[in-house]
């Protein structure tokens, strides 16, 4: 019998034990969707919940505003007709290894098929991953075509420089015991700290030890696949990949104080080239603005760097960040490889990154890396030299292609000098 959705009052779980048994238990890392069970973060039929938080966590306040303004029915459920992925991802062996994927739901793209019976019975199961197809239109790709570095082939690249991609949007779904193990901390410490540092927004973190899954209110990631998604798991098919952390000022608006957009578009060009040569390209774009410290903090650090005595200097690059934020970098990269395991990746032939943190995390998770590719010297904006020098001094880069100051005279932009 299908239950009718209804809004039920959320009971504040201020004391442990004041709850009913979980109706839909989860077995994280089970080899099949049926054995694993659905992630249910519904706000109606509260008894069905087996997760802390809600779907699209970073947008929940907007959703609440829409409900309060009478624009959104609070019991609305998405009609998933014709929303199935354009390309099927997996299942891959890593999905059945509980320690491989702890920060996303590998079954999150195909819930309509995997958990159709539960949905038909009235359980509010929602996708946390969506897969579609698109074309990328970047001016740098058009410049690359005009410069003759790449040529439209009609499959992966079209005139004047549009790239065909399969892309996936992924929301975070955290398995708390797995997250704690990944960072080498007690689960109780993780839960308590998450509770405290969100000002008690999620009391179930400390009162519902039986709920092991948390949908945090943070941004997720977008995956861009150049080539055939089905062969990403085949180590005999060459793969070029870049894992990129958000930098709105550079990626979107072209700010020249860092190398983010130049490295990103260089990665796109290399991915297109790999796909045209019979391999695959992969860009993973994480929402971790300002090293996961936020854009306000980043701009404050910019001011502090520029206004300090002696001007912006490499030896003070990380110190100024730490003075403002209390930590140099909050990304850590420990959770980053999960998305690679969701895709079934076993080997990356060319990793477009000079970051020790990214490389160590990927290799440490069991993925083989062949060559590491540095940013070409001519792509480094002059004002980004401080960043490059600071990271060199800190041992951040390990690739011998890091540009020196004399090469910055060639920084006119990729293709513009041709």
Protein backbone atom coordinates (compact mmCIF):
# COMPACT_ATOMS: atom_id res chain seq x y z
CA UNK A 1 0.00 0.00 0.00
CA UNK A 2 1.39 3.37 -1.04
CA UNK A 3 1.51 5.97 1.70
CA UNK A 4 0.42 9.53 1.05
CA UNK A 5 3.19 12.07 1.67
CA UNK A 6 2.57 14.40 4.57
CA UNK A 7 4.55 16.89 6.57
CA UNK A 8 5.30 15.61 10.04
CA UNK A 9 6.84 17.70 12.81
CA UNK A 10 10.57 17.21 13.27
CA UNK A 11 11.21 16.05 16.81
CA UNK A 12 14.32 17.50 18.38
CA UNK A 13 16.41 14.49 19.35
CA UNK A 14 17.90 16.06 22.45
CA UNK A 15 18.41 12.79 24.25
CA UNK A 16 19.85 9.52 22.94
CA UNK A 17 17.42 6.64 22.67
CA UNK A 18 14.30 8.73 22.01
CA UNK A 19 13.67 7.28 18.56
CA UNK A 20 12.21 4.29 16.78
CA UNK A 21 14.28 1.55 15.08
CA UNK A 22 15.53 2.34 11.57
CA UNK A 23 13.02 0.99 9.03
CA UNK A 24 15.50 0.95 6.14
CA UNK A 25 18.87 -0.16 7.50
CA UNK A 26 21.92 0.53 5.37
CA UNK A 27 24.79 -1.88 4.80
CA UNK A 28 27.48 0.45 3.51
CA UNK A 29 29.79 -1.11 0.93
CA UNK A 30 27.45 -3.99 0.05
CA UNK A 31 28.03 -5.37 -3.48
CA UNK A 32 24.49 -4.72 -4.74
CA UNK A 33 21.99 -1.90 -4.35
CA UNK A 34 19.41 -4.23 -2.82
CA UNK A 35 21.84 -5.42 -0.15
CA UNK A 36 23.04 -1.89 0.55
CA UNK A 37 19.58 -0.34 0.76
CA UNK A 38 18.37 3.18 -0.17
CA UNK A 39 19.57 6.41 1.44
CA UNK A 40 16.42 8.09 2.76
CA UNK A 41 16.69 11.70 3.95
CA UNK A 42 13.01 12.58 3.55
CA UNK A 43 11.33 15.38 5.51
CA UNK A 44 7.92 13.71 5.19
CA UNK A 45 7.26 10.26 6.64
CA UNK A 46 9.98 10.93 9.18
CA UNK A 47 10.03 7.31 10.34
CA UNK A 48 11.59 6.35 6.98
CA UNK A 49 14.71 8.46 7.56
CA UNK A 50 17.97 6.57 7.79
CA UNK A 51 20.28 9.55 7.19
CA UNK A 52 21.13 12.80 8.94
CA UNK A 53 20.56 16.01 6.97
CA UNK A 54 18.70 16.41 3.69
CA UNK A 55 19.31 16.15 -0.03
CA UNK A 56 20.90 19.16 -1.78
CA UNK A 57 22.16 20.26 1.61
CA UNK A 58 23.84 23.45 0.41
CA UNK A 59 20.49 24.65 -1.01
CA UNK A 60 18.20 23.74 1.89
CA UNK A 61 17.79 27.35 3.06
CA UNK A 62 16.62 28.39 -0.41
CA UNK A 63 14.20 25.46 -0.40
CA UNK A 64 12.90 26.50 3.01
CA UNK A 65 12.42 30.05 1.76
CA UNK A 66 10.43 28.79 -1.22
CA UNK A 67 8.22 26.74 1.10
CA UNK A 68 7.75 29.64 3.53
CA UNK A 69 6.83 31.96 0.64
CA UNK A 70 4.23 29.50 -0.60
CA UNK A 71 6.08 28.86 -3.87
CA UNK A 72 6.95 25.22 -3.17
CA UNK A 73 4.71 22.43 -1.88
CA UNK A 74 6.58 21.03 1.14
CA UNK A 75 5.53 17.47 0.26
CA UNK A 76 6.51 17.71 -3.41
CA UNK A 77 8.42 14.71 -4.70
CA UNK A 78 10.39 14.75 -7.95
CA UNK A 79 8.88 13.03 -10.97
CA UNK A 80 11.85 10.96 -12.15
CA UNK A 81 10.32 10.05 -15.53
CA UNK A 82 12.98 10.23 -18.27
CA UNK A 83 15.63 11.49 -15.83
CA UNK A 84 17.74 8.31 -15.93
CA UNK A 85 21.48 8.72 -16.68
CA UNK A 86 22.51 9.13 -20.32
CA UNK A 87 25.45 6.83 -19.56
CA UNK A 88 25.50 4.07 -16.95
CA UNK A 89 28.37 4.23 -14.50
CA UNK A 90 29.28 0.92 -12.87
CA UNK A 91 28.69 -0.97 -10.76
CA UNK A 92 32.42 -1.42 -10.21
CA UNK A 93 34.27 -3.65 -7.73
CA UNK A 94 35.21 -0.61 -5.63
CA UNK A 95 31.51 -0.08 -4.85
CA UNK A 96 31.59 -3.26 -2.78
CA UNK A 97 34.68 -2.25 -0.80
CA UNK A 98 33.48 -0.20 2.22
CA UNK A 99 36.76 1.68 2.64
CA UNK A 100 37.02 2.80 -1.00
CA UNK A 101 33.99 5.12 -1.17
CA UNK A 102 32.87 6.93 1.99
CA UNK A 103 31.88 10.44 0.83
CA UNK A 104 29.32 9.77 -1.92
CA UNK A 105 26.61 7.22 -2.70
CA UNK A 106 27.80 5.03 -5.60
CA UNK A 107 24.19 3.92 -6.21
CA UNK A 108 22.94 7.52 -6.19
CA UNK A 109 22.44 7.91 -9.95
CA UNK A 110 20.06 5.01 -10.56
CA UNK A 111 17.71 5.11 -7.60
CA UNK A 112 14.60 4.89 -9.80
CA UNK A 113 15.78 1.48 -11.04
CA UNK A 114 17.67 0.22 -8.01
CA UNK A 115 15.03 1.17 -5.47
CA UNK A 116 11.90 1.24 -7.63
CA UNK A 117 9.95 -1.04 -5.30
CA UNK A 118 10.60 1.18 -2.29
CA UNK A 119 9.67 4.31 -4.26
CA UNK A 120 6.46 2.66 -5.49
CA UNK A 121 5.62 1.83 -1.87
CA UNK A 122 5.89 5.49 -0.93
CA UNK A 123 9.45 5.73 0.36
CA UNK A 124 10.96 9.10 -0.61
CA UNK A 125 14.23 7.98 -2.26
CA UNK A 126 15.98 10.68 -4.28
CA UNK A 127 19.00 10.72 -6.60
CA UNK A 128 22.25 12.19 -5.33
CA UNK A 129 23.97 11.87 -8.72
CA UNK A 130 22.77 12.94 -12.18
CA UNK A 131 24.51 12.04 -15.46
CA UNK A 132 23.88 13.87 -18.74
CA UNK A 133 25.61 14.96 -21.96
CA UNK A 134 26.67 18.43 -23.05
CA UNK A 135 29.09 20.49 -25.12
CA UNK A 136 31.70 22.76 -23.60
CA UNK A 137 32.33 26.10 -25.28
CA UNK A 138 35.56 27.66 -24.05
CA UNK A 139 37.33 30.51 -25.85
CA UNK A 140 40.66 28.84 -25.08
CA UNK A 141 39.60 25.78 -27.08
CA UNK A 142 38.75 27.99 -30.04
CA UNK A 143 42.19 29.59 -29.72
CA UNK A 144 43.78 26.13 -29.62
CA UNK A 145 41.95 25.19 -32.84
CA UNK A 146 43.01 28.43 -34.52
CA UNK A 147 46.60 27.90 -33.40
CA UNK A 148 46.54 24.39 -34.87
CA UNK A 149 47.30 22.56 -31.62
CA UNK A 150 44.09 20.53 -31.91
CA UNK A 151 41.73 19.95 -34.80
CA UNK A 152 37.96 19.36 -34.78
CA UNK A 153 37.21 15.70 -35.43
CA UNK A 154 33.42 15.86 -35.36
CA UNK A 155 33.19 13.41 -32.46
CA UNK A 156 35.05 14.75 -29.44
CA UNK A 157 35.69 18.25 -30.78
CA UNK A 158 33.50 20.26 -33.13
CA UNK A 159 34.13 23.52 -34.97
CA UNK A 160 34.86 26.17 -33.88
CA UNK A 161 36.04 24.41 -30.68
CA UNK A 162 33.11 22.82 -28.87
CA UNK A 163 33.99 19.70 -26.86
CA UNK A 164 31.52 16.85 -26.35
CA UNK A 165 31.37 15.57 -22.78
CA UNK A 166 29.44 13.31 -20.48
CA UNK A 167 29.03 15.11 -17.18
CA UNK A 168 27.85 14.06 -13.75
CA UNK A 169 26.78 16.17 -10.78
CA UNK A 170 27.51 14.50 -7.45
CA UNK A 171 26.15 15.48 -4.04
CA UNK A 172 28.10 14.52 -0.90
CA UNK A 173 26.83 11.55 1.10
CA UNK A 174 29.10 10.80 4.04
CA UNK A 175 29.38 7.42 5.75
CA UNK A 176 30.49 8.64 9.15
CA UNK A 177 32.33 5.49 10.31
CA UNK A 178 34.20 5.44 6.99
CA UNK A 179 35.02 9.16 7.15
CA UNK A 180 36.38 8.75 10.68
CA UNK A 181 38.52 5.78 9.64
CA UNK A 182 39.85 7.68 6.62
CA UNK A 183 41.06 10.51 8.86
CA UNK A 184 42.24 8.24 11.65
CA UNK A 185 39.92 9.67 14.32
CA UNK A 186 37.21 8.24 16.57
CA UNK A 187 33.72 8.37 15.11
CA UNK A 188 32.45 9.94 18.34
CA UNK A 189 35.03 12.72 17.99
CA UNK A 190 33.98 13.32 14.38
CA UNK A 191 30.29 13.44 15.29
CA UNK A 192 30.82 15.75 18.25
CA UNK A 193 33.03 18.13 16.27
CA UNK A 194 30.61 18.29 13.33
CA UNK A 195 27.82 19.00 15.82
CA UNK A 196 29.76 21.74 17.58
CA UNK A 197 31.21 23.44 14.50
CA UNK A 198 27.75 23.70 12.90
CA UNK A 199 26.41 25.29 16.12
CA UNK A 200 24.24 22.27 16.86
CA UNK A 201 22.44 22.32 13.50
CA UNK A 202 22.35 18.51 13.39
CA UNK A 203 21.59 17.13 16.89
CA UNK A 204 21.23 13.64 15.46
CA UNK A 205 24.99 13.58 15.02
CA UNK A 206 25.33 13.09 18.77
CA UNK A 207 21.98 11.49 19.61
CA UNK A 208 21.49 8.97 16.81
CA UNK A 209 24.48 6.67 16.68
CA UNK A 210 22.32 4.23 14.74
CA UNK A 211 22.25 6.64 11.77
CA UNK A 212 25.62 6.28 10.05
CA UNK A 213 25.02 8.41 6.94
CA UNK A 214 25.18 12.22 6.88
CA UNK A 215 24.29 14.51 3.96
CA UNK A 216 26.37 17.59 4.80
CA UNK A 217 25.33 21.12 3.72
CA UNK A 218 28.33 21.60 1.45
CA UNK A 219 28.90 21.74 -2.29
CA UNK A 220 29.63 18.55 -4.17
CA UNK A 221 31.46 18.12 -7.46
CA UNK A 222 30.94 17.90 -11.22
CA UNK A 223 32.63 15.27 -13.37
CA UNK A 224 33.42 15.91 -17.06
CA UNK A 225 34.27 12.85 -19.15
CA UNK A 226 35.86 13.20 -22.58
CA UNK A 227 35.56 9.88 -24.42
CA UNK A 228 33.72 6.71 -23.47
CA UNK A 229 32.62 6.51 -19.80
CA UNK A 230 32.36 2.70 -20.07
CA UNK A 231 36.11 2.36 -20.59
CA UNK A 232 37.25 4.54 -17.70
CA UNK A 233 37.68 1.40 -15.62
CA UNK A 234 39.86 -0.30 -18.25
CA UNK A 235 43.53 0.30 -17.32
CA UNK A 236 44.57 -0.54 -20.90
CA UNK A 237 42.72 2.57 -22.18
CA UNK A 238 44.85 5.66 -21.60
CA UNK A 239 43.45 8.25 -19.21
CA UNK A 240 44.41 11.89 -18.77
CA UNK A 241 42.87 13.49 -15.69
CA UNK A 242 42.80 16.70 -13.70
CA UNK A 243 41.23 17.04 -10.25
CA UNK A 244 40.46 20.75 -9.82
CA UNK A 245 39.26 22.67 -6.77
CA UNK A 246 36.96 25.62 -7.33
CA UNK A 247 38.37 29.11 -7.76
CA UNK A 248 35.52 31.35 -8.81
CA UNK A 249 37.64 34.45 -9.32
CA UNK A 250 39.97 32.74 -11.79
CA UNK A 251 37.83 29.93 -13.23
CA UNK A 252 34.87 32.18 -14.07
CA UNK A 253 36.16 35.76 -14.10
CA UNK A 254 39.79 35.32 -15.15
CA UNK A 255 41.55 36.84 -12.14
CA UNK A 256 45.31 36.70 -12.71
CA UNK A 257 46.50 36.23 -9.13
CA UNK A 258 46.57 32.43 -9.44
CA UNK A 259 46.97 29.69 -12.06
CA UNK A 260 43.55 28.08 -11.57
CA UNK A 261 41.74 28.83 -14.84
CA UNK A 262 44.88 28.45 -16.98
CA UNK A 263 45.54 25.01 -15.50
CA UNK A 264 41.86 24.06 -15.80
CA UNK A 265 41.55 24.94 -19.48
CA UNK A 266 44.93 23.36 -20.18
CA UNK A 267 43.46 20.22 -18.60
CA UNK A 268 40.42 20.41 -20.85
CA UNK A 269 42.62 20.72 -23.94
CA UNK A 270 44.73 17.74 -22.89
CA UNK A 271 41.60 15.70 -22.16
CA UNK A 272 40.21 16.45 -25.63
CA UNK A 273 43.54 15.44 -27.17
CA UNK A 274 43.58 12.16 -25.23
CA UNK A 275 40.04 11.32 -26.32
CA UNK A 276 40.91 12.05 -29.96
CA UNK A 277 43.84 9.65 -29.63
CA UNK A 278 41.56 6.81 -28.51
CA UNK A 279 41.82 7.28 -24.76
CA UNK A 280 39.73 9.17 -22.23
CA UNK A 281 39.95 12.51 -20.49
CA UNK A 282 38.57 13.40 -17.08
CA UNK A 283 38.05 16.66 -15.22
CA UNK A 284 36.70 16.51 -11.66
CA UNK A 285 35.61 19.92 -10.38
CA UNK A 286 35.18 20.17 -6.60
CA UNK A 287 33.30 22.98 -4.80
CA UNK A 288 36.12 23.82 -2.39
CA UNK A 289 36.46 27.56 -2.85
CA UNK A 290 39.58 29.11 -1.41
CA UNK A 291 41.14 25.81 -0.33
CA UNK A 292 37.77 25.03 1.34
CA UNK A 293 38.16 28.17 3.48
CA UNK A 294 35.64 30.22 1.49
CA UNK A 295 35.82 33.21 -0.82
CA UNK A 296 35.51 35.86 1.90
CA UNK A 297 38.51 34.40 3.69
CA UNK A 298 40.41 34.22 0.40
CA UNK A 299 39.80 37.89 -0.38
CA UNK A 300 40.84 38.88 3.14
CA UNK A 301 44.08 36.98 2.59
CA UNK A 302 44.59 38.76 -0.75
CA UNK A 303 44.38 42.10 1.05
CA UNK A 304 46.71 40.97 3.82
CA UNK A 305 49.28 39.74 1.30
CA UNK A 306 49.23 42.92 -0.79
CA UNK A 307 49.30 45.35 2.16
CA UNK A 308 52.04 43.75 4.26
CA UNK A 309 55.39 45.51 4.56
CA UNK A 310 57.49 44.69 1.52
CA UNK A 311 54.46 43.72 -0.58
CA UNK A 312 53.27 40.29 -1.67
CA UNK A 313 56.07 37.82 -0.97
CA UNK A 314 56.37 34.07 -1.46
CA UNK A 315 57.82 33.49 2.01
CA UNK A 316 54.66 34.99 3.57
CA UNK A 317 52.16 33.34 1.20
CA UNK A 318 50.99 30.54 3.52
CA UNK A 319 51.64 32.50 6.72
CA UNK A 320 49.13 35.20 5.77
CA UNK A 321 46.51 32.54 5.03
CA UNK A 322 47.11 30.90 8.40
CA UNK A 323 46.92 34.22 10.22
CA UNK A 324 43.46 34.90 8.79
CA UNK A 325 42.00 31.39 8.60
CA UNK A 326 43.92 29.53 11.30
CA UNK A 327 44.97 26.83 8.84
CA UNK A 328 46.77 26.91 5.50
CA UNK A 329 44.49 24.50 3.65
CA UNK A 330 41.24 22.78 4.66
CA UNK A 331 40.88 20.52 1.61
CA UNK A 332 43.14 17.74 2.88
CA UNK A 333 42.28 15.63 -0.24
CA UNK A 334 41.64 12.47 1.82
CA UNK A 335 38.11 12.13 0.41
CA UNK A 336 38.97 13.23 -3.13
CA UNK A 337 39.72 9.77 -4.64
CA UNK A 338 36.22 8.47 -3.83
CA UNK A 339 34.82 9.84 -7.08
CA UNK A 340 37.62 8.12 -9.02
CA UNK A 341 36.65 4.83 -7.42
CA UNK A 342 32.99 5.49 -8.25
CA UNK A 343 34.09 5.69 -11.89
CA UNK A 344 36.01 2.42 -11.49
CA UNK A 345 39.38 4.00 -12.28
CA UNK A 346 42.43 1.85 -11.64
CA UNK A 347 45.11 3.84 -13.45
CA UNK A 348 45.71 7.44 -14.51
CA UNK A 349 48.35 7.66 -17.24
CA UNK A 350 48.73 11.44 -17.14
CA UNK A 351 47.78 13.33 -13.98
CA UNK A 352 47.58 17.04 -14.71
CA UNK A 353 48.67 18.21 -11.29
CA UNK A 354 51.87 19.05 -9.49
CA UNK A 355 50.29 18.75 -6.04
CA UNK A 356 51.84 16.30 -3.62
CA UNK A 357 48.60 16.20 -1.65
CA UNK A 358 46.50 15.14 -4.62
CA UNK A 359 49.07 12.67 -5.92
CA UNK A 360 49.67 11.05 -2.53
CA UNK A 361 45.95 10.70 -1.89
CA UNK A 362 45.25 9.12 -5.27
CA UNK A 363 48.15 6.68 -5.09
CA UNK A 364 47.46 5.92 -1.44
CA UNK A 365 43.92 4.88 -2.36
CA UNK A 366 45.23 2.19 -4.70
CA UNK A 367 45.11 4.01 -8.05
CA UNK A 368 48.26 3.87 -10.16
CA UNK A 369 49.59 7.12 -11.60
CA UNK A 370 52.00 7.22 -14.53
CA UNK A 371 53.16 10.71 -15.48
CA UNK A 372 52.52 13.96 -13.62
CA UNK A 373 52.14 16.95 -15.94
CA UNK A 374 52.98 20.46 -14.79
CA UNK A 375 51.39 23.68 -15.99
CA UNK A 376 53.17 24.98 -19.11
CA UNK A 377 55.33 28.05 -18.30
CA UNK A 378 53.55 30.33 -20.76
CA UNK A 379 50.24 29.81 -18.92
CA UNK A 380 51.41 31.31 -15.62
CA UNK A 381 50.07 34.88 -15.20
CA UNK A 382 52.77 37.30 -13.98
CA UNK A 383 50.87 38.11 -10.79
CA UNK A 384 50.70 34.38 -9.95
CA UNK A 385 54.48 34.10 -9.59
CA UNK A 386 54.23 34.52 -5.82
CA UNK A 387 51.90 31.53 -5.62
CA UNK A 388 54.22 29.38 -7.71
CA UNK A 389 57.32 30.33 -5.72
CA UNK A 390 55.57 29.80 -2.38
CA UNK A 391 54.38 26.33 -3.35
CA UNK A 392 57.79 25.43 -4.71
CA UNK A 393 59.41 26.44 -1.42
CA UNK A 394 56.84 24.44 0.53
CA UNK A 395 57.49 21.31 -1.52
CA UNK A 396 53.99 21.48 -2.98
CA UNK A 397 55.16 20.75 -6.51
CA UNK A 398 57.13 17.66 -7.44
CA UNK A 399 57.30 17.95 -11.21
CA UNK A 400 60.39 19.33 -12.91
CA UNK A 401 58.44 21.44 -15.38
CA UNK A 402 57.62 24.19 -12.87
CA UNK A 403 58.45 27.48 -14.60
CA UNK A 404 61.12 29.84 -13.34
CA UNK A 405 60.79 33.62 -13.32
CA UNK A 406 62.56 34.14 -16.64
CA UNK A 407 59.94 32.10 -18.46
CA UNK A 408 57.13 34.39 -17.33
CA UNK A 409 57.91 36.74 -20.21
CA UNK A 410 56.12 34.21 -22.39
CA UNK A 411 52.91 34.50 -20.38
CA UNK A 412 50.77 36.02 -23.11
CA UNK A 413 48.08 33.35 -22.94
CA UNK A 414 47.88 29.98 -24.61
CA UNK A 415 47.55 30.42 -28.38
CA UNK A 416 47.71 34.23 -28.34
CA UNK A 417 51.43 34.24 -29.08
CA UNK A 418 50.96 32.18 -32.25
